[in-house]
């Protein structure tokens, strides 16, 4: 969140900013399934 413009949008509940942060949160908190060898 280095972009001050994005921070403002996110903190003001901009739908696009909220969607991006929600998707980033899902990706960063997902478990990665390991393949069997």
Protein backbone atom coordinates (compact mmCIF):
# COMPACT_ATOMS: atom_id res chain seq x y z
CA UNK A 1 0.00 0.00 0.00
CA UNK A 2 2.63 2.49 -1.07
CA UNK A 3 0.23 4.40 -3.27
CA UNK A 4 -1.48 7.18 -1.28
CA UNK A 5 -4.26 7.38 -3.88
CA UNK A 6 -5.04 3.68 -3.44
CA UNK A 7 -4.95 4.06 0.35
CA UNK A 8 -7.54 6.83 0.19
CA UNK A 9 -9.79 4.77 -2.07
CA UNK A 10 -9.46 1.69 0.14
CA UNK A 11 -10.15 3.59 3.34
CA UNK A 12 -13.17 5.25 1.70
CA UNK A 13 -14.59 1.81 0.78
CA UNK A 14 -14.06 2.11 -2.98
CA UNK A 15 -15.45 -1.16 -4.44
CA UNK A 16 -12.48 -1.75 -6.78
CA UNK A 17 -9.92 -1.16 -4.04
CA UNK A 18 -11.83 -3.41 -1.63
CA UNK A 19 -11.97 -6.16 -4.24
CA UNK A 20 -8.23 -5.97 -4.90
CA UNK A 21 -7.40 -6.13 -1.20
CA UNK A 22 -9.84 -8.99 -0.61
CA UNK A 23 -8.33 -11.00 -3.47
CA UNK A 24 -4.80 -10.28 -2.25
CA UNK A 25 -5.79 -11.43 1.24
CA UNK A 26 -7.26 -14.68 -0.13
CA UNK A 27 -4.14 -15.41 -2.17
CA UNK A 28 -1.72 -14.60 0.63
CA UNK A 29 -3.61 -16.67 3.20
CA UNK A 30 -4.32 -19.72 1.02
CA UNK A 31 -2.60 -23.02 1.61
CA UNK A 32 -0.62 -24.36 -1.32
CA UNK A 33 -1.42 -27.96 -2.16
CA UNK A 34 1.71 -30.06 -2.57
CA UNK A 35 1.95 -32.63 -5.35
CA UNK A 36 2.66 -36.25 -4.56
CA UNK A 37 5.96 -37.46 -6.00
